[in-house]
Amino acid sequence: MLGAPSNVFRSMVEDLLKAGNQRIVVNFRGVPYADSAGIGALAYNFSNTKAAGGRLAIAEVQPAVLDVMDVTRLSDLIPMFETEKEAVKSLGAN
């Protein structure tokens, strides 16, 4: 969402990357919708993770968020999984 939530999301992923985490799973279970700022933050985090040599996947995307991701074509770029466990497994983590 616009403002603080999207800024916090960006900062959290940046902090993970700075700490050396290269495989990141974002669980969208509690995210009922995303506005342009939220989608922008997701695209930013995906791009930064990839540029750092890492991989980002998302799990449990809610229908309204998936609709926006489809329209923006982010769903073509970012791996999505039904469960967090599947997303973690896809990144080669235990």
N, C-alpha and C. Protein backbone atom coordinates (compact mmCIF):
# COMPACT_ATOMS: atom_id res chain seq x y z
N MET A 1 0.83 -1.18 0.00
CA MET A 1 0.00 0.00 0.00
C MET A 1 0.88 1.24 0.00
N LEU A 2 0.31 2.32 -0.43
CA LEU A 2 1.01 3.59 -0.53
C LEU A 2 1.56 4.02 0.82
N GLY A 3 2.74 4.59 0.82
CA GLY A 3 3.30 5.15 2.04
C GLY A 3 4.13 4.17 2.84
N ALA A 4 3.93 4.22 4.15
CA ALA A 4 4.77 3.45 5.08
C ALA A 4 4.82 1.95 4.78
N PRO A 5 3.70 1.28 4.51
CA PRO A 5 3.80 -0.17 4.27
C PRO A 5 4.73 -0.53 3.10
N SER A 6 4.65 0.20 2.01
CA SER A 6 5.52 -0.14 0.87
C SER A 6 6.97 0.21 1.18
N ASN A 7 7.20 1.28 1.94
CA ASN A 7 8.56 1.63 2.32
C ASN A 7 9.16 0.59 3.27
N VAL A 8 8.35 0.10 4.20
CA VAL A 8 8.81 -0.94 5.12
C VAL A 8 9.15 -2.20 4.34
N PHE A 9 8.32 -2.56 3.38
CA PHE A 9 8.56 -3.74 2.56
C PHE A 9 9.90 -3.62 1.82
N ARG A 10 10.14 -2.47 1.20
CA ARG A 10 11.40 -2.25 0.50
C ARG A 10 12.58 -2.38 1.46
N SER A 11 12.47 -1.74 2.61
CA SER A 11 13.56 -1.74 3.59
C SER A 11 13.85 -3.13 4.12
N MET A 12 12.80 -3.91 4.35
CA MET A 12 12.99 -5.26 4.88
C MET A 12 13.80 -6.12 3.90
N VAL A 13 13.46 -6.06 2.64
CA VAL A 13 14.19 -6.86 1.65
C VAL A 13 15.61 -6.33 1.49
N GLU A 14 15.78 -5.02 1.48
CA GLU A 14 17.13 -4.45 1.39
C GLU A 14 17.98 -4.92 2.57
N ASP A 15 17.40 -4.93 3.77
CA ASP A 15 18.13 -5.39 4.96
C ASP A 15 18.52 -6.86 4.84
N LEU A 16 17.62 -7.67 4.31
CA LEU A 16 17.93 -9.09 4.11
C LEU A 16 19.10 -9.25 3.14
N LEU A 17 19.08 -8.49 2.06
CA LEU A 17 20.17 -8.57 1.07
C LEU A 17 21.49 -8.10 1.68
N LYS A 18 21.46 -7.01 2.43
CA LYS A 18 22.67 -6.49 3.06
C LYS A 18 23.24 -7.49 4.06
N ALA A 19 22.38 -8.29 4.67
CA ALA A 19 22.82 -9.31 5.63
C ALA A 19 23.34 -10.57 4.94
N GLY A 20 23.29 -10.58 3.61
CA GLY A 20 23.83 -11.71 2.85
C GLY A 20 22.81 -12.76 2.46
N ASN A 21 21.57 -12.52 2.71
CA ASN A 21 20.52 -13.46 2.30
C ASN A 21 20.29 -13.33 0.80
N GLN A 22 20.44 -14.43 0.09
CA GLN A 22 20.31 -14.41 -1.36
C GLN A 22 19.01 -15.06 -1.85
N ARG A 23 18.35 -15.82 -1.00
CA ARG A 23 17.10 -16.48 -1.37
C ARG A 23 16.01 -15.96 -0.45
N ILE A 24 15.05 -15.26 -1.04
CA ILE A 24 14.02 -14.59 -0.26
C ILE A 24 12.64 -15.03 -0.71
N VAL A 25 11.82 -15.43 0.25
CA VAL A 25 10.42 -15.77 0.00
C VAL A 25 9.56 -14.74 0.71
N VAL A 26 8.62 -14.17 -0.03
CA VAL A 26 7.67 -13.21 0.55
C VAL A 26 6.31 -13.88 0.55
N ASN A 27 5.72 -13.99 1.73
CA ASN A 27 4.40 -14.62 1.86
C ASN A 27 3.33 -13.53 1.84
N PHE A 28 2.41 -13.64 0.90
CA PHE A 28 1.35 -12.65 0.71
C PHE A 28 0.03 -13.08 1.35
N ARG A 29 0.06 -14.05 2.24
CA ARG A 29 -1.16 -14.57 2.87
C ARG A 29 -2.04 -13.45 3.45
N GLY A 30 -1.46 -12.51 4.14
CA GLY A 30 -2.23 -11.46 4.80
C GLY A 30 -2.37 -10.18 4.00
N VAL A 31 -2.12 -10.25 2.70
CA VAL A 31 -2.18 -9.05 1.86
C VAL A 31 -3.40 -9.16 0.94
N PRO A 32 -4.51 -8.49 1.30
CA PRO A 32 -5.73 -8.64 0.52
C PRO A 32 -5.74 -7.89 -0.81
N TYR A 33 -4.92 -6.84 -0.94
CA TYR A 33 -4.86 -6.09 -2.19
C TYR A 33 -3.54 -5.35 -2.25
N ALA A 34 -3.19 -4.87 -3.43
CA ALA A 34 -1.97 -4.08 -3.60
C ALA A 34 -2.25 -2.93 -4.54
N ASP A 35 -1.82 -1.74 -4.13
CA ASP A 35 -1.95 -0.58 -5.01
C ASP A 35 -0.67 -0.42 -5.81
N SER A 36 -0.57 0.65 -6.56
CA SER A 36 0.60 0.84 -7.42
C SER A 36 1.89 0.92 -6.62
N ALA A 37 1.85 1.50 -5.43
CA ALA A 37 3.05 1.58 -4.60
C ALA A 37 3.49 0.19 -4.14
N GLY A 38 2.55 -0.65 -3.79
CA GLY A 38 2.87 -2.01 -3.37
C GLY A 38 3.45 -2.82 -4.51
N ILE A 39 2.86 -2.70 -5.69
CA ILE A 39 3.38 -3.41 -6.85
C ILE A 39 4.74 -2.86 -7.24
N GLY A 40 4.90 -1.55 -7.13
CA GLY A 40 6.21 -0.94 -7.39
C GLY A 40 7.27 -1.44 -6.43
N ALA A 41 6.91 -1.58 -5.16
CA ALA A 41 7.85 -2.08 -4.17
C ALA A 41 8.21 -3.53 -4.46
N LEU A 42 7.25 -4.33 -4.90
CA LEU A 42 7.52 -5.71 -5.26
C LEU A 42 8.48 -5.79 -6.45
N ALA A 43 8.22 -4.98 -7.47
CA ALA A 43 9.09 -4.96 -8.65
C ALA A 43 10.50 -4.50 -8.26
N TYR A 44 10.58 -3.48 -7.43
CA TYR A 44 11.86 -2.96 -6.95
C TYR A 44 12.63 -4.04 -6.20
N ASN A 45 11.95 -4.73 -5.29
CA ASN A 45 12.60 -5.78 -4.51
C ASN A 45 13.04 -6.95 -5.38
N PHE A 46 12.23 -7.32 -6.34
CA PHE A 46 12.60 -8.39 -7.26
C PHE A 46 13.85 -7.99 -8.04
N SER A 47 13.86 -6.78 -8.57
CA SER A 47 14.98 -6.30 -9.36
C SER A 47 16.26 -6.21 -8.52
N ASN A 48 16.15 -5.66 -7.32
CA ASN A 48 17.32 -5.54 -6.45
C ASN A 48 17.87 -6.90 -6.04
N THR A 49 16.97 -7.83 -5.75
CA THR A 49 17.40 -9.17 -5.36
C THR A 49 18.14 -9.83 -6.52
N LYS A 50 17.59 -9.71 -7.70
CA LYS A 50 18.23 -10.29 -8.89
C LYS A 50 19.59 -9.64 -9.15
N ALA A 51 19.66 -8.31 -9.03
CA ALA A 51 20.91 -7.59 -9.26
C ALA A 51 21.99 -7.99 -8.24
N ALA A 52 21.56 -8.39 -7.05
CA ALA A 52 22.50 -8.81 -6.01
C ALA A 52 22.89 -10.28 -6.16
N GLY A 53 22.41 -10.92 -7.22
CA GLY A 53 22.72 -12.32 -7.45
C GLY A 53 21.81 -13.27 -6.70
N GLY A 54 20.72 -12.73 -6.17
CA GLY A 54 19.79 -13.55 -5.40
C GLY A 54 18.55 -13.92 -6.17
N ARG A 55 17.65 -14.59 -5.47
CA ARG A 55 16.38 -15.01 -6.06
C ARG A 55 15.26 -14.70 -5.09
N LEU A 56 14.15 -14.23 -5.63
CA LEU A 56 12.98 -13.90 -4.83
C LEU A 56 11.79 -14.65 -5.39
N ALA A 57 11.00 -15.22 -4.50
CA ALA A 57 9.76 -15.89 -4.89
C ALA A 57 8.67 -15.44 -3.94
N ILE A 58 7.43 -15.56 -4.38
CA ILE A 58 6.32 -15.18 -3.51
C ILE A 58 5.37 -16.36 -3.34
N ALA A 59 4.68 -16.36 -2.21
CA ALA A 59 3.79 -17.45 -1.87
C ALA A 59 2.43 -16.91 -1.41
N GLU A 60 1.42 -17.72 -1.61
CA GLU A 60 0.07 -17.47 -1.11
C GLU A 60 -0.50 -16.11 -1.54
N VAL A 61 -0.33 -15.80 -2.81
CA VAL A 61 -0.83 -14.54 -3.36
C VAL A 61 -2.36 -14.58 -3.40
N GLN A 62 -2.96 -13.55 -2.84
CA GLN A 62 -4.41 -13.45 -2.80
C GLN A 62 -4.95 -13.02 -4.17
N PRO A 63 -6.20 -13.40 -4.49
CA PRO A 63 -6.74 -13.15 -5.84
C PRO A 63 -6.65 -11.69 -6.32
N ALA A 64 -6.96 -10.72 -5.47
CA ALA A 64 -6.91 -9.33 -5.90
C ALA A 64 -5.48 -8.89 -6.23
N VAL A 65 -4.52 -9.38 -5.47
CA VAL A 65 -3.12 -9.06 -5.74
C VAL A 65 -2.67 -9.75 -7.02
N LEU A 66 -3.07 -10.99 -7.20
CA LEU A 66 -2.73 -11.72 -8.41
C LEU A 66 -3.28 -11.02 -9.65
N ASP A 67 -4.48 -10.49 -9.56
CA ASP A 67 -5.06 -9.75 -10.69
C ASP A 67 -4.17 -8.58 -11.09
N VAL A 68 -3.70 -7.82 -10.11
CA VAL A 68 -2.84 -6.67 -10.40
C VAL A 68 -1.50 -7.14 -10.95
N MET A 69 -0.99 -8.23 -10.40
CA MET A 69 0.28 -8.76 -10.91
C MET A 69 0.13 -9.24 -12.35
N ASP A 70 -1.01 -9.81 -12.69
CA ASP A 70 -1.25 -10.24 -14.06
C ASP A 70 -1.32 -9.04 -15.01
N VAL A 71 -2.01 -7.99 -14.60
CA VAL A 71 -2.15 -6.80 -15.44
C VAL A 71 -0.79 -6.15 -15.68
N THR A 72 0.04 -6.11 -14.64
CA THR A 72 1.35 -5.48 -14.76
C THR A 72 2.41 -6.43 -15.32
N ARG A 73 2.03 -7.68 -15.50
CA ARG A 73 2.88 -8.74 -16.04
C ARG A 73 4.01 -9.16 -15.09
N LEU A 74 3.93 -8.73 -13.83
CA LEU A 74 4.90 -9.20 -12.84
C LEU A 74 4.76 -10.69 -12.62
N SER A 75 3.57 -11.21 -12.83
CA SER A 75 3.36 -12.65 -12.65
C SER A 75 4.15 -13.46 -13.67
N ASP A 76 4.59 -12.82 -14.74
CA ASP A 76 5.44 -13.49 -15.74
C ASP A 76 6.91 -13.52 -15.30
N LEU A 77 7.27 -12.63 -14.38
CA LEU A 77 8.67 -12.50 -13.97
C LEU A 77 8.98 -13.15 -12.63
N ILE A 78 8.07 -12.99 -11.68
CA ILE A 78 8.34 -13.43 -10.31
C ILE A 78 7.71 -14.79 -10.08
N PRO A 79 8.51 -15.76 -9.66
CA PRO A 79 7.95 -17.10 -9.38
C PRO A 79 6.95 -17.03 -8.23
N MET A 80 5.79 -17.64 -8.43
CA MET A 80 4.73 -17.65 -7.43
C MET A 80 4.35 -19.08 -7.09
N PHE A 81 4.05 -19.30 -5.82
CA PHE A 81 3.72 -20.63 -5.35
C PHE A 81 2.51 -20.58 -4.43
N GLU A 82 1.78 -21.68 -4.41
CA GLU A 82 0.58 -21.76 -3.57
C GLU A 82 0.92 -21.75 -2.09
N THR A 83 2.05 -22.36 -1.73
CA THR A 83 2.43 -22.42 -0.33
C THR A 83 3.85 -21.89 -0.13
N GLU A 84 4.10 -21.45 1.09
CA GLU A 84 5.43 -20.98 1.44
C GLU A 84 6.45 -22.12 1.34
N LYS A 85 6.03 -23.29 1.73
CA LYS A 85 6.92 -24.46 1.68
C LYS A 85 7.37 -24.72 0.24
N GLU A 86 6.45 -24.63 -0.72
CA GLU A 86 6.81 -24.82 -2.13
C GLU A 86 7.77 -23.74 -2.61
N ALA A 87 7.55 -22.50 -2.18
CA ALA A 87 8.43 -21.40 -2.57
C ALA A 87 9.83 -21.59 -2.02
N VAL A 88 9.92 -21.98 -0.75
CA VAL A 88 11.23 -22.22 -0.13
C VAL A 88 11.95 -23.35 -0.87
N LYS A 89 11.23 -24.41 -1.15
CA LYS A 89 11.82 -25.55 -1.86
C LYS A 89 12.32 -25.13 -3.24
N SER A 90 11.59 -24.26 -3.93
CA SER A 90 11.99 -23.84 -5.27
C SER A 90 13.30 -23.08 -5.28
N LEU A 91 13.61 -22.44 -4.17
CA LEU A 91 14.84 -21.66 -4.08
C LEU A 91 16.00 -22.50 -3.56
N GLY A 92 15.74 -23.77 -3.33
CA GLY A 92 16.81 -24.66 -2.89
C GLY A 92 17.13 -24.54 -1.43
N ALA A 93 16.21 -23.97 -0.65
CA ALA A 93 16.43 -23.85 0.80
C ALA A 93 15.67 -24.96 1.51
N ASN A 94 16.07 -25.24 2.72
CA ASN A 94 15.41 -26.29 3.50
C ASN A 94 14.27 -25.76 4.32
